Amino acid sequence: MFVQTIDSFQGGEADLVVVSTVRNNQKMGRHALGILGDRRRMNVLLSRAKHKLVLVTSTGFLKNAVKWSEPGRGSGHDLEFLGALMRRIDLMVAPDDPDMTPTASIIACGEDGKVVQ
C-alpha cells in the first residue's frame, strides 16, 4: 500500500484506488472546490484504477457545486464535468435497465459522520 497526491500519481496506476474528495465548507463557487474544480486533475484522479475505484465524496456538496455553475446563475464556472460525473454515478447506482446489477453504491452519512440506515 502507498499513499500519493494526485499530482504525484500522474502517469501511474494501481489495481485498487481509494480517493477522498470530501469537501464541505461554507465557501461558494470555485474557491470551495479546490482540485474538484480542475477538470484535468479530476481526470487523473478518476482514471488511475486498473480494477476498482472507491470514491469517498459528499454528493450533496458536488450537486450544489453543479447548481452554482448552471447557466443563468452568473457564476461563469465551467463545471459541466462535475454534472456529468454526478449523472454517471446516479446511472451506476440505479441503472435504467432493472435487470442490470448496479456498479456503484452510495452510502449515506449524517452530519455526525455516522452511516444512515
PDB file of N, CA and C in Angstrom:
ATOM      1  N   MET A   1       0.841  -1.180   0.000  1.00  0.00           N
ATOM      2  CA  MET A   1       0.000   0.000   0.000  1.00  0.00           C
ATOM      3  C   MET A   1       0.883   1.240   0.000  1.00  0.00           C
ATOM      4  N   PHE A   2       0.454   2.236  -0.747  1.00  0.00           N
ATOM      5  CA  PHE A   2       1.161   3.506  -0.758  1.00  0.00           C
ATOM      6  C   PHE A   2       0.151   4.642  -0.891  1.00  0.00           C
ATOM      7  N   VAL A   3       0.552   5.810  -0.471  1.00  0.00           N
ATOM      8  CA  VAL A   3      -0.304   6.989  -0.494  1.00  0.00           C
ATOM      9  C   VAL A   3       0.393   8.042  -1.342  1.00  0.00           C
ATOM     10  N   GLN A   4      -0.364   8.634  -2.264  1.00  0.00           N
ATOM     11  CA  GLN A   4       0.198   9.680  -3.109  1.00  0.00           C
ATOM     12  C   GLN A   4      -0.831  10.774  -3.326  1.00  0.00           C
ATOM     13  N   THR A   5      -0.348  11.943  -3.696  1.00  0.00           N
ATOM     14  CA  THR A   5      -1.246  13.014  -4.102  1.00  0.00           C
ATOM     15  C   THR A   5      -1.597  12.815  -5.566  1.00  0.00           C
ATOM     16  N   ILE A   6      -2.603  13.511  -6.032  1.00  0.00           N
ATOM     17  CA  ILE A   6      -2.987  13.416  -7.441  1.00  0.00           C
ATOM     18  C   ILE A   6      -1.821  13.798  -8.334  1.00  0.00           C
ATOM     19  N   ASP A   7      -1.153  14.883  -7.996  1.00  0.00           N
ATOM     20  CA  ASP A   7      -0.059  15.362  -8.836  1.00  0.00           C
ATOM     21  C   ASP A   7       1.091  14.371  -8.908  1.00  0.00           C
ATOM     22  N   SER A   8       1.379  13.677  -7.814  1.00  0.00           N
ATOM     23  CA  SER A   8       2.493  12.726  -7.834  1.00  0.00           C
ATOM     24  C   SER A   8       2.103  11.400  -8.474  1.00  0.00           C
ATOM     25  N   PHE A   9       0.817  11.184  -8.718  1.00  0.00           N
ATOM     26  CA  PHE A   9       0.345   9.929  -9.289  1.00  0.00           C
ATOM     27  C   PHE A   9       0.166  10.018 -10.799  1.00  0.00           C
ATOM     28  N   GLN A  10       0.438  11.184 -11.380  1.00  0.00           N
ATOM     29  CA  GLN A  10       0.307  11.386 -12.823  1.00  0.00           C
ATOM     30  C   GLN A  10       1.090  10.308 -13.564  1.00  0.00           C
ATOM     31  N   GLY A  11       0.421   9.597 -14.471  1.00  0.00           N
ATOM     32  CA  GLY A  11       1.071   8.548 -15.254  1.00  0.00           C
ATOM     33  C   GLY A  11       1.101   7.198 -14.571  1.00  0.00           C
ATOM     34  N   GLY A  12       0.741   7.124 -13.289  1.00  0.00           N
ATOM     35  CA  GLY A  12       0.748   5.857 -12.563  1.00  0.00           C
ATOM     36  C   GLY A  12      -0.627   5.229 -12.530  1.00  0.00           C
ATOM     37  N   GLU A  13      -0.677   3.983 -12.070  1.00  0.00           N
ATOM     38  CA  GLU A  13      -1.950   3.310 -11.867  1.00  0.00           C
ATOM     39  C   GLU A  13      -1.778   2.237 -10.804  1.00  0.00           C
ATOM     40  N   ALA A  14      -2.905   1.783 -10.276  1.00  0.00           N
ATOM     41  CA  ALA A  14      -2.898   0.754  -9.239  1.00  0.00           C
ATOM     42  C   ALA A  14      -4.137  -0.116  -9.423  1.00  0.00           C
ATOM     43  N   ASP A  15      -4.092  -1.340  -8.910  1.00  0.00           N
ATOM     44  CA  ASP A  15      -5.241  -2.236  -9.010  1.00  0.00           C
ATOM     45  C   ASP A  15      -6.461  -1.638  -8.328  1.00  0.00           C
ATOM     46  N   LEU A  16      -6.266  -1.110  -7.139  1.00  0.00           N
ATOM     47  CA  LEU A  16      -7.333  -0.508  -6.342  1.00  0.00           C
ATOM     48  C   LEU A  16      -6.904   0.897  -5.948  1.00  0.00           C
ATOM     49  N   VAL A  17      -7.791   1.861  -6.177  1.00  0.00           N
ATOM     50  CA  VAL A  17      -7.509   3.245  -5.799  1.00  0.00           C
ATOM     51  C   VAL A  17      -8.654   3.729  -4.914  1.00  0.00           C
ATOM     52  N   VAL A  18      -8.308   4.250  -3.753  1.00  0.00           N
ATOM     53  CA  VAL A  18      -9.282   4.842  -2.840  1.00  0.00           C
ATOM     54  C   VAL A  18      -8.989   6.338  -2.794  1.00  0.00           C
ATOM     55  N   VAL A  19     -10.007   7.135  -3.097  1.00  0.00           N
ATOM     56  CA  VAL A  19      -9.830   8.579  -3.175  1.00  0.00           C
ATOM     57  C   VAL A  19     -10.854   9.256  -2.280  1.00  0.00           C
ATOM     58  N   SER A  20     -10.407  10.220  -1.504  1.00  0.00           N
ATOM     59  CA  SER A  20     -11.324  11.032  -0.726  1.00  0.00           C
ATOM     60  C   SER A  20     -11.352  12.432  -1.323  1.00  0.00           C
ATOM     61  N   THR A  21     -12.553  12.866  -1.687  1.00  0.00           N
ATOM     62  CA  THR A  21     -12.725  14.213  -2.224  1.00  0.00           C
ATOM     63  C   THR A  21     -13.705  15.000  -1.361  1.00  0.00           C
ATOM     64  N   VAL A  22     -13.828  14.607  -0.121  1.00  0.00           N
ATOM     65  CA  VAL A  22     -14.806  15.230   0.764  1.00  0.00           C
ATOM     66  C   VAL A  22     -14.394  16.665   1.050  1.00  0.00           C
ATOM     67  N   ARG A  23     -15.282  17.573   0.699  1.00  0.00           N
ATOM     68  CA  ARG A  23     -15.071  18.997   0.960  1.00  0.00           C
ATOM     69  C   ARG A  23     -16.424  19.575   1.325  1.00  0.00           C
ATOM     70  N   ASN A  24     -16.620  19.883   2.547  1.00  0.00           N
ATOM     71  CA  ASN A  24     -17.828  20.574   2.994  1.00  0.00           C
ATOM     72  C   ASN A  24     -17.377  21.841   3.690  1.00  0.00           C
ATOM     73  N   ASN A  25     -17.598  22.956   3.038  1.00  0.00           N
ATOM     74  CA  ASN A  25     -17.214  24.217   3.648  1.00  0.00           C
ATOM     75  C   ASN A  25     -18.229  25.283   3.264  1.00  0.00           C
ATOM     76  N   GLN A  26     -18.095  26.426   3.843  1.00  0.00           N
ATOM     77  CA  GLN A  26     -19.065  27.496   3.640  1.00  0.00           C
ATOM     78  C   GLN A  26     -18.735  28.383   2.444  1.00  0.00           C
ATOM     79  N   LYS A  27     -17.594  28.136   1.788  1.00  0.00           N
ATOM     80  CA  LYS A  27     -17.229  28.944   0.629  1.00  0.00           C
ATOM     81  C   LYS A  27     -18.176  28.631  -0.522  1.00  0.00           C
ATOM     82  N   MET A  28     -18.242  29.538  -1.476  1.00  0.00           N
ATOM     83  CA  MET A  28     -19.093  29.347  -2.649  1.00  0.00           C
ATOM     84  C   MET A  28     -18.224  29.380  -3.899  1.00  0.00           C
ATOM     85  N   GLY A  29     -18.737  28.791  -4.960  1.00  0.00           N
ATOM     86  CA  GLY A  29     -18.059  28.836  -6.246  1.00  0.00           C
ATOM     87  C   GLY A  29     -16.804  27.996  -6.279  1.00  0.00           C
ATOM     88  N   ARG A  30     -15.939  28.311  -7.216  1.00  0.00           N
ATOM     89  CA  ARG A  30     -14.729  27.525  -7.463  1.00  0.00           C
ATOM     90  C   ARG A  30     -13.792  27.474  -6.249  1.00  0.00           C
ATOM     91  N   HIS A  31     -13.771  28.504  -5.428  1.00  0.00           N
ATOM     92  CA  HIS A  31     -12.897  28.508  -4.254  1.00  0.00           C
ATOM     93  C   HIS A  31     -13.249  27.388  -3.280  1.00  0.00           C
ATOM     94  N   ALA A  32     -14.487  26.978  -3.263  1.00  0.00           N
ATOM     95  CA  ALA A  32     -14.914  25.915  -2.360  1.00  0.00           C
ATOM     96  C   ALA A  32     -14.485  24.539  -2.856  1.00  0.00           C
ATOM     97  N   LEU A  33     -14.161  24.422  -4.131  1.00  0.00           N
ATOM     98  CA  LEU A  33     -13.926  23.114  -4.733  1.00  0.00           C
ATOM     99  C   LEU A  33     -12.492  22.607  -4.661  1.00  0.00           C
ATOM    100  N   GLY A  34     -11.527  23.487  -4.600  1.00  0.00           N
ATOM    101  CA  GLY A  34     -10.147  23.015  -4.637  1.00  0.00           C
ATOM    102  C   GLY A  34      -9.894  22.244  -5.927  1.00  0.00           C
ATOM    103  N   ILE A  35      -9.271  21.064  -5.827  1.00  0.00           N
ATOM    104  CA  ILE A  35      -8.961  20.274  -7.018  1.00  0.00           C
ATOM    105  C   ILE A  35     -10.204  19.762  -7.731  1.00  0.00           C
ATOM    106  N   LEU A  36     -11.341  19.711  -7.032  1.00  0.00           N
ATOM    107  CA  LEU A  36     -12.573  19.229  -7.659  1.00  0.00           C
ATOM    108  C   LEU A  36     -13.021  20.136  -8.797  1.00  0.00           C
ATOM    109  N   GLY A  37     -12.549  21.364  -8.830  1.00  0.00           N
ATOM    110  CA  GLY A  37     -12.911  22.299  -9.877  1.00  0.00           C
ATOM    111  C   GLY A  37     -11.972  22.283 -11.067  1.00  0.00           C
ATOM    112  N   ASP A  38     -10.990  21.391 -11.057  1.00  0.00           N
ATOM    113  CA  ASP A  38      -9.998  21.310 -12.140  1.00  0.00           C
ATOM    114  C   ASP A  38     -10.215  20.021 -12.923  1.00  0.00           C
ATOM    115  N   ARG A  39     -10.763  20.148 -14.120  1.00  0.00           N
ATOM    116  CA  ARG A  39     -11.098  19.002 -14.955  1.00  0.00           C
ATOM    117  C   ARG A  39      -9.892  18.082 -15.184  1.00  0.00           C
ATOM    118  N   ARG A  40      -8.717  18.637 -15.436  1.00  0.00           N
ATOM    119  CA  ARG A  40      -7.533  17.818 -15.731  1.00  0.00           C
ATOM    120  C   ARG A  40      -7.106  16.991 -14.518  1.00  0.00           C
ATOM    121  N   ARG A  41      -7.097  17.597 -13.365  1.00  0.00           N
ATOM    122  CA  ARG A  41      -6.687  16.869 -12.162  1.00  0.00           C
ATOM    123  C   ARG A  41      -7.723  15.823 -11.770  1.00  0.00           C
ATOM    124  N   MET A  42      -9.009  16.134 -11.992  1.00  0.00           N
ATOM    125  CA  MET A  42     -10.056  15.143 -11.728  1.00  0.00           C
ATOM    126  C   MET A  42      -9.932  13.966 -12.686  1.00  0.00           C
ATOM    127  N   ASN A  43      -9.542  14.211 -13.924  1.00  0.00           N
ATOM    128  CA  ASN A  43      -9.331  13.132 -14.876  1.00  0.00           C
ATOM    129  C   ASN A  43      -8.243  12.183 -14.374  1.00  0.00           C
ATOM    130  N   VAL A  44      -7.147  12.735 -13.877  1.00  0.00           N
ATOM    131  CA  VAL A  44      -6.084  11.906 -13.310  1.00  0.00           C
ATOM    132  C   VAL A  44      -6.628  11.120 -12.123  1.00  0.00           C
ATOM    133  N   LEU A  45      -7.342  11.792 -11.244  1.00  0.00           N
ATOM    134  CA  LEU A  45      -7.880  11.162 -10.040  1.00  0.00           C
ATOM    135  C   LEU A  45      -8.786   9.975 -10.377  1.00  0.00           C
ATOM    136  N   LEU A  46      -9.652  10.132 -11.380  1.00  0.00           N
ATOM    137  CA  LEU A  46     -10.653   9.113 -11.685  1.00  0.00           C
ATOM    138  C   LEU A  46     -10.169   8.026 -12.639  1.00  0.00           C
ATOM    139  N   SER A  47      -8.993   8.182 -13.210  1.00  0.00           N
ATOM    140  CA  SER A  47      -8.554   7.226 -14.235  1.00  0.00           C
ATOM    141  C   SER A  47      -7.332   6.400 -13.841  1.00  0.00           C
ATOM    142  N   ARG A  48      -6.967   6.338 -12.582  1.00  0.00           N
ATOM    143  CA  ARG A  48      -5.757   5.625 -12.166  1.00  0.00           C
ATOM    144  C   ARG A  48      -6.004   4.198 -11.692  1.00  0.00           C
ATOM    145  N   ALA A  49      -7.262   3.806 -11.532  1.00  0.00           N
ATOM    146  CA  ALA A  49      -7.568   2.461 -11.022  1.00  0.00           C
ATOM    147  C   ALA A  49      -7.647   1.458 -12.168  1.00  0.00           C
ATOM    148  N   LYS A  50      -6.906   0.340 -12.047  1.00  0.00           N
ATOM    149  CA  LYS A  50      -6.983  -0.725 -13.048  1.00  0.00           C
ATOM    150  C   LYS A  50      -8.286  -1.515 -12.900  1.00  0.00           C
ATOM    151  N   HIS A  51      -8.674  -1.809 -11.655  1.00  0.00           N
ATOM    152  CA  HIS A  51      -9.813  -2.692 -11.427  1.00  0.00           C
ATOM    153  C   HIS A  51     -10.938  -2.070 -10.603  1.00  0.00           C
ATOM    154  N   LYS A  52     -10.612  -1.267  -9.604  1.00  0.00           N
ATOM    155  CA  LYS A  52     -11.662  -0.735  -8.733  1.00  0.00           C
ATOM    156  C   LYS A  52     -11.264   0.644  -8.226  1.00  0.00           C
ATOM    157  N   LEU A  53     -12.245   1.547  -8.290  1.00  0.00           N
ATOM    158  CA  LEU A  53     -12.093   2.890  -7.745  1.00  0.00           C
ATOM    159  C   LEU A  53     -13.123   3.060  -6.641  1.00  0.00           C
ATOM    160  N   VAL A  54     -12.665   3.438  -5.460  1.00  0.00           N
ATOM    161  CA  VAL A  54     -13.556   3.755  -4.350  1.00  0.00           C
ATOM    162  C   VAL A  54     -13.466   5.265  -4.170  1.00  0.00           C
ATOM    163  N   LEU A  55     -14.582   5.923  -4.408  1.00  0.00           N
ATOM    164  CA  LEU A  55     -14.635   7.375  -4.335  1.00  0.00           C
ATOM    165  C   LEU A  55     -15.428   7.775  -3.103  1.00  0.00           C
ATOM    166  N   VAL A  56     -14.761   8.429  -2.177  1.00  0.00           N
ATOM    167  CA  VAL A  56     -15.410   8.931  -0.964  1.00  0.00           C
ATOM    168  C   VAL A  56     -15.607  10.423  -1.193  1.00  0.00           C
ATOM    169  N   THR A  57     -16.871  10.836  -1.211  1.00  0.00           N
ATOM    170  CA  THR A  57     -17.155  12.231  -1.529  1.00  0.00           C
ATOM    171  C   THR A  57     -18.451  12.660  -0.860  1.00  0.00           C
ATOM    172  N   SER A  58     -18.734  13.912  -0.934  1.00  0.00           N
ATOM    173  CA  SER A  58     -20.008  14.456  -0.469  1.00  0.00           C
ATOM    174  C   SER A  58     -20.847  14.745  -1.711  1.00  0.00           C
ATOM    175  N   THR A  59     -21.787  13.852  -2.025  1.00  0.00           N
ATOM    176  CA  THR A  59     -22.603  14.062  -3.221  1.00  0.00           C
ATOM    177  C   THR A  59     -23.445  15.332  -3.107  1.00  0.00           C
ATOM    178  N   GLY A  60     -23.899  15.652  -1.905  1.00  0.00           N
ATOM    179  CA  GLY A  60     -24.666  16.885  -1.712  1.00  0.00           C
ATOM    180  C   GLY A  60     -23.832  18.114  -2.048  1.00  0.00           C
ATOM    181  N   PHE A  61     -22.597  18.120  -1.602  1.00  0.00           N
ATOM    182  CA  PHE A  61     -21.696  19.238  -1.885  1.00  0.00           C
ATOM    183  C   PHE A  61     -21.453  19.358  -3.388  1.00  0.00           C
ATOM    184  N   LEU A  62     -21.202  18.211  -4.064  1.00  0.00           N
ATOM    185  CA  LEU A  62     -20.946  18.246  -5.501  1.00  0.00           C
ATOM    186  C   LEU A  62     -22.186  18.688  -6.278  1.00  0.00           C
ATOM    187  N   LYS A  63     -23.356  18.223  -5.855  1.00  0.00           N
ATOM    188  CA  LYS A  63     -24.586  18.638  -6.539  1.00  0.00           C
ATOM    189  C   LYS A  63     -24.797  20.139  -6.389  1.00  0.00           C
ATOM    190  N   ASN A  64     -24.481  20.686  -5.233  1.00  0.00           N
ATOM    191  CA  ASN A  64     -24.575  22.141  -5.054  1.00  0.00           C
ATOM    192  C   ASN A  64     -23.571  22.862  -5.941  1.00  0.00           C
ATOM    193  N   ALA A  65     -22.373  22.313  -6.077  1.00  0.00           N
ATOM    194  CA  ALA A  65     -21.361  22.925  -6.944  1.00  0.00           C
ATOM    195  C   ALA A  65     -21.854  22.968  -8.384  1.00  0.00           C
ATOM    196  N   VAL A  66     -22.507  21.891  -8.815  1.00  0.00           N
ATOM    197  CA  VAL A  66     -23.058  21.864 -10.166  1.00  0.00           C
ATOM    198  C   VAL A  66     -24.135  22.935 -10.313  1.00  0.00           C
ATOM    199  N   LYS A  67     -24.976  23.103  -9.299  1.00  0.00           N
ATOM    200  CA  LYS A  67     -26.015  24.146  -9.347  1.00  0.00           C
ATOM    201  C   LYS A  67     -25.396  25.532  -9.489  1.00  0.00           C
ATOM    202  N   TRP A  68     -24.264  25.760  -8.796  1.00  0.00           N
ATOM    203  CA  TRP A  68     -23.600  27.060  -8.880  1.00  0.00           C
ATOM    204  C   TRP A  68     -23.172  27.360 -10.312  1.00  0.00           C
ATOM    205  N   SER A  69     -22.888  26.319 -11.075  1.00  0.00           N
ATOM    206  CA  SER A  69     -22.350  26.524 -12.416  1.00  0.00           C
ATOM    207  C   SER A  69     -23.400  26.495 -13.506  1.00  0.00           C
ATOM    208  N   GLU A  70     -24.667  26.318 -13.166  1.00  0.00           N
ATOM    209  CA  GLU A  70     -25.714  26.262 -14.180  1.00  0.00           C
ATOM    210  C   GLU A  70     -25.825  27.586 -14.913  1.00  0.00           C
ATOM    211  N   PRO A  71     -26.118  27.522 -16.213  1.00  0.00           N
ATOM    212  CA  PRO A  71     -26.291  28.766 -16.973  1.00  0.00           C
ATOM    213  C   PRO A  71     -27.380  29.634 -16.342  1.00  0.00           C
ATOM    214  N   GLY A  72     -27.174  30.929 -16.396  1.00  0.00           N
ATOM    215  CA  GLY A  72     -28.166  31.857 -15.860  1.00  0.00           C
ATOM    216  C   GLY A  72     -27.919  32.217 -14.410  1.00  0.00           C
ATOM    217  N   ARG A  73     -26.999  31.544 -13.745  1.00  0.00           N
ATOM    218  CA  ARG A  73     -26.703  31.873 -12.353  1.00  0.00           C
ATOM    219  C   ARG A  73     -25.615  32.935 -12.253  1.00  0.00           C
ATOM    220  N   GLY A  74     -24.993  33.260 -13.377  1.00  0.00           N
ATOM    221  CA  GLY A  74     -24.000  34.325 -13.375  1.00  0.00           C
ATOM    222  C   GLY A  74     -22.654  33.917 -12.823  1.00  0.00           C
ATOM    223  N   SER A  75     -22.430  32.638 -12.567  1.00  0.00           N
ATOM    224  CA  SER A  75     -21.160  32.226 -11.978  1.00  0.00           C
ATOM    225  C   SER A  75     -20.052  32.138 -13.010  1.00  0.00           C
ATOM    226  N   GLY A  76     -20.387  31.745 -14.254  1.00  0.00           N
ATOM    227  CA  GLY A  76     -19.382  31.646 -15.297  1.00  0.00           C
ATOM    228  C   GLY A  76     -18.431  30.472 -15.117  1.00  0.00           C
ATOM    229  N   HIS A  77     -18.707  29.578 -14.203  1.00  0.00           N
ATOM    230  CA  HIS A  77     -17.814  28.445 -13.973  1.00  0.00           C
ATOM    231  C   HIS A  77     -18.069  27.330 -14.964  1.00  0.00           C
ATOM    232  N   ASP A  78     -17.002  26.688 -15.398  1.00  0.00           N
ATOM    233  CA  ASP A  78     -17.113  25.561 -16.313  1.00  0.00           C
ATOM    234  C   ASP A  78     -17.025  24.276 -15.498  1.00  0.00           C
ATOM    235  N   LEU A  79     -18.121  23.903 -14.881  1.00  0.00           N
ATOM    236  CA  LEU A  79     -18.129  22.704 -14.044  1.00  0.00           C
ATOM    237  C   LEU A  79     -19.057  21.638 -14.603  1.00  0.00           C
ATOM    238  N   GLU A  80     -19.306  21.671 -15.899  1.00  0.00           N
ATOM    239  CA  GLU A  80     -20.186  20.683 -16.505  1.00  0.00           C
ATOM    240  C   GLU A  80     -19.652  19.268 -16.281  1.00  0.00           C
ATOM    241  N   PHE A  81     -18.328  19.114 -16.201  1.00  0.00           N
ATOM    242  CA  PHE A  81     -17.765  17.785 -15.969  1.00  0.00           C
ATOM    243  C   PHE A  81     -18.204  17.219 -14.624  1.00  0.00           C
ATOM    244  N   LEU A  82     -18.416  18.076 -13.629  1.00  0.00           N
ATOM    245  CA  LEU A  82     -18.929  17.588 -12.347  1.00  0.00           C
ATOM    246  C   LEU A  82     -20.375  17.127 -12.489  1.00  0.00           C
ATOM    247  N   GLY A  83     -21.147  17.852 -13.271  1.00  0.00           N
ATOM    248  CA  GLY A  83     -22.520  17.436 -13.545  1.00  0.00           C
ATOM    249  C   GLY A  83     -22.542  16.088 -14.246  1.00  0.00           C
ATOM    250  N   ALA A  84     -21.646  15.912 -15.226  1.00  0.00           N
ATOM    251  CA  ALA A  84     -21.557  14.633 -15.941  1.00  0.00           C
ATOM    252  C   ALA A  84     -21.141  13.520 -14.987  1.00  0.00           C
ATOM    253  N   LEU A  85     -20.214  13.797 -14.084  1.00  0.00           N
ATOM    254  CA  LEU A  85     -19.783  12.805 -13.093  1.00  0.00           C
ATOM    255  C   LEU A  85     -20.948  12.399 -12.198  1.00  0.00           C
ATOM    256  N   MET A  86     -21.713  13.371 -11.722  1.00  0.00           N
ATOM    257  CA  MET A  86     -22.839  13.062 -10.845  1.00  0.00           C
ATOM    258  C   MET A  86     -23.916  12.269 -11.582  1.00  0.00           C
ATOM    259  N   ARG A  87     -24.174  12.628 -12.847  1.00  0.00           N
ATOM    260  CA  ARG A  87     -25.156  11.862 -13.629  1.00  0.00           C
ATOM    261  C   ARG A  87     -24.678  10.433 -13.847  1.00  0.00           C
ATOM    262  N   ARG A  88     -23.386  10.252 -14.088  1.00  0.00           N
ATOM    263  CA  ARG A  88     -22.832   8.909 -14.297  1.00  0.00           C
ATOM    264  C   ARG A  88     -22.934   8.088 -13.011  1.00  0.00           C
ATOM    265  N   ILE A  89     -22.631   8.696 -11.880  1.00  0.00           N
ATOM    266  CA  ILE A  89     -22.758   7.986 -10.605  1.00  0.00           C
ATOM    267  C   ILE A  89     -24.205   7.576 -10.380  1.00  0.00           C
ATOM    268  N   ASP A  90     -25.142   8.484 -10.652  1.00  0.00           N
ATOM    269  CA  ASP A  90     -26.565   8.157 -10.493  1.00  0.00           C
ATOM    270  C   ASP A  90     -26.959   6.969 -11.365  1.00  0.00           C
ATOM    271  N   LEU A  91     -26.468   6.930 -12.612  1.00  0.00           N
ATOM    272  CA  LEU A  91     -26.767   5.808 -13.504  1.00  0.00           C
ATOM    273  C   LEU A  91     -26.149   4.500 -13.015  1.00  0.00           C
ATOM    274  N   MET A  92     -24.964   4.595 -12.448  1.00  0.00           N
ATOM    275  CA  MET A  92     -24.288   3.396 -11.953  1.00  0.00           C
ATOM    276  C   MET A  92     -24.985   2.845 -10.710  1.00  0.00           C
ATOM    277  N   VAL A  93     -25.551   3.732  -9.897  1.00  0.00           N
ATOM    278  CA  VAL A  93     -26.254   3.326  -8.683  1.00  0.00           C
ATOM    279  C   VAL A  93     -27.624   2.739  -9.022  1.00  0.00           C
ATOM    280  N   ALA A  94     -28.312   3.348  -9.965  1.00  0.00           N
ATOM    281  CA  ALA A  94     -29.656   2.910 -10.351  1.00  0.00           C
ATOM    282  C   ALA A  94     -29.729   2.832 -11.875  1.00  0.00           C
ATOM    283  N   PRO A  95     -29.242   1.733 -12.468  1.00  0.00           N
ATOM    284  CA  PRO A  95     -29.242   1.626 -13.925  1.00  0.00           C
ATOM    285  C   PRO A  95     -30.662   1.687 -14.494  1.00  0.00           C
ATOM    286  N   ASP A  96     -30.771   2.191 -15.724  1.00  0.00           N
ATOM    287  CA  ASP A  96     -32.073   2.279 -16.396  1.00  0.00           C
ATOM    288  C   ASP A  96     -32.709   0.909 -16.586  1.00  0.00           C
ATOM    289  N   ASP A  97     -31.883  -0.093 -16.848  1.00  0.00           N
ATOM    290  CA  ASP A  97     -32.375  -1.455 -17.061  1.00  0.00           C
ATOM    291  C   ASP A  97     -32.511  -2.150 -15.705  1.00  0.00           C
ATOM    292  N   PRO A  98     -33.734  -2.516 -15.294  1.00  0.00           N
ATOM    293  CA  PRO A  98     -33.923  -3.133 -13.974  1.00  0.00           C
ATOM    294  C   PRO A  98     -33.232  -4.490 -13.837  1.00  0.00           C
ATOM    295  N   ASP A  99     -32.839  -5.112 -14.961  1.00  0.00           N
ATOM    296  CA  ASP A  99     -32.142  -6.399 -14.901  1.00  0.00           C
ATOM    297  C   ASP A  99     -30.631  -6.247 -14.719  1.00  0.00           C
ATOM    298  N   MET A 100     -30.145  -5.014 -14.821  1.00  0.00           N
ATOM    299  CA  MET A 100     -28.704  -4.776 -14.649  1.00  0.00           C
ATOM    300  C   MET A 100     -28.356  -4.668 -13.169  1.00  0.00           C
ATOM    301  N   THR A 101     -27.194  -5.175 -12.835  1.00  0.00           N
ATOM    302  CA  THR A 101     -26.689  -5.049 -11.471  1.00  0.00           C
ATOM    303  C   THR A 101     -26.030  -3.685 -11.317  1.00  0.00           C
ATOM    304  N   PRO A 102     -26.365  -2.931 -10.275  1.00  0.00           N
ATOM    305  CA  PRO A 102     -25.703  -1.646 -10.060  1.00  0.00           C
ATOM    306  C   PRO A 102     -24.186  -1.827  -9.946  1.00  0.00           C
ATOM    307  N   THR A 103     -23.445  -0.908 -10.527  1.00  0.00           N
ATOM    308  CA  THR A 103     -21.988  -0.972 -10.465  1.00  0.00           C
ATOM    309  C   THR A 103     -21.412   0.013  -9.466  1.00  0.00           C
ATOM    310  N   ALA A 104     -22.280   0.725  -8.770  1.00  0.00           N
ATOM    311  CA  ALA A 104     -21.828   1.675  -7.751  1.00  0.00           C
ATOM    312  C   ALA A 104     -22.839   1.674  -6.621  1.00  0.00           C
ATOM    313  N   SER A 105     -22.383   2.082  -5.466  1.00  0.00           N
ATOM    314  CA  SER A 105     -23.239   2.202  -4.292  1.00  0.00           C
ATOM    315  C   SER A 105     -22.993   3.541  -3.640  1.00  0.00           C
ATOM    316  N   ILE A 106     -24.036   4.082  -3.068  1.00  0.00           N
ATOM    317  CA  ILE A 106     -23.899   5.301  -2.275  1.00  0.00           C
ATOM    318  C   ILE A 106     -24.250   4.942  -0.841  1.00  0.00           C
ATOM    319  N   ILE A 107     -23.353   5.269   0.057  1.00  0.00           N
ATOM    320  CA  ILE A 107     -23.583   5.043   1.480  1.00  0.00           C
ATOM    321  C   ILE A 107     -23.804   6.412   2.099  1.00  0.00           C
ATOM    322  N   ALA A 108     -24.983   6.640   2.586  1.00  0.00           N
ATOM    323  CA  ALA A 108     -25.330   7.952   3.128  1.00  0.00           C
ATOM    324  C   ALA A 108     -24.871   8.078   4.574  1.00  0.00           C
ATOM    325  N   CYS A 109     -24.325   9.236   4.891  1.00  0.00           N
ATOM    326  CA  CYS A 109     -23.903   9.536   6.256  1.00  0.00           C
ATOM    327  C   CYS A 109     -24.588  10.816   6.718  1.00  0.00           C
ATOM    328  N   GLY A 110     -24.888  10.854   7.979  1.00  0.00           N
ATOM    329  CA  GLY A 110     -25.466  12.055   8.565  1.00  0.00           C
ATOM    330  C   GLY A 110     -24.391  13.087   8.852  1.00  0.00           C
ATOM    331  N   GLU A 111     -24.801  14.218   9.358  1.00  0.00           N
ATOM    332  CA  GLU A 111     -23.832  15.279   9.664  1.00  0.00           C
ATOM    333  C   GLU A 111     -22.843  14.869  10.738  1.00  0.00           C
ATOM    334  N   ASP A 112     -23.236  13.870  11.548  1.00  0.00           N
ATOM    335  CA  ASP A 112     -22.331  13.391  12.592  1.00  0.00           C
ATOM    336  C   ASP A 112     -21.319  12.383  12.041  1.00  0.00           C
ATOM    337  N   GLY A 113     -21.409  12.062  10.732  1.00  0.00           N
ATOM    338  CA  GLY A 113     -20.478  11.132  10.125  1.00  0.00           C
ATOM    339  C   GLY A 113     -20.891   9.675  10.225  1.00  0.00           C
ATOM    340  N   LYS A 114     -22.002   9.407  10.907  1.00  0.00           N
ATOM    341  CA  LYS A 114     -22.453   8.023  11.061  1.00  0.00           C
ATOM    342  C   LYS A 114     -23.292   7.617   9.850  1.00  0.00           C
ATOM    343  N   VAL A 115     -23.184   6.336   9.486  1.00  0.00           N
ATOM    344  CA  VAL A 115     -23.929   5.817   8.354  1.00  0.00           C
ATOM    345  C   VAL A 115     -25.423   5.854   8.654  1.00  0.00           C
ATOM    346  N   VAL A 116     -26.198   6.380   7.687  1.00  0.00           N
ATOM    347  CA  VAL A 116     -27.643   6.460   7.802  1.00  0.00           C
ATOM    348  C   VAL A 116     -28.215   5.166   7.260  1.00  0.00           C
ATOM    349  N   GLN A 117     -29.069   4.507   8.041  1.00  0.00           N
ATOM    350  CA  GLN A 117     -29.655   3.231   7.595  1.00  0.00           C
ATOM    351  C   GLN A 117     -30.880   3.457   6.774  1.00  0.00           C
TER     352      GLN A 117
END
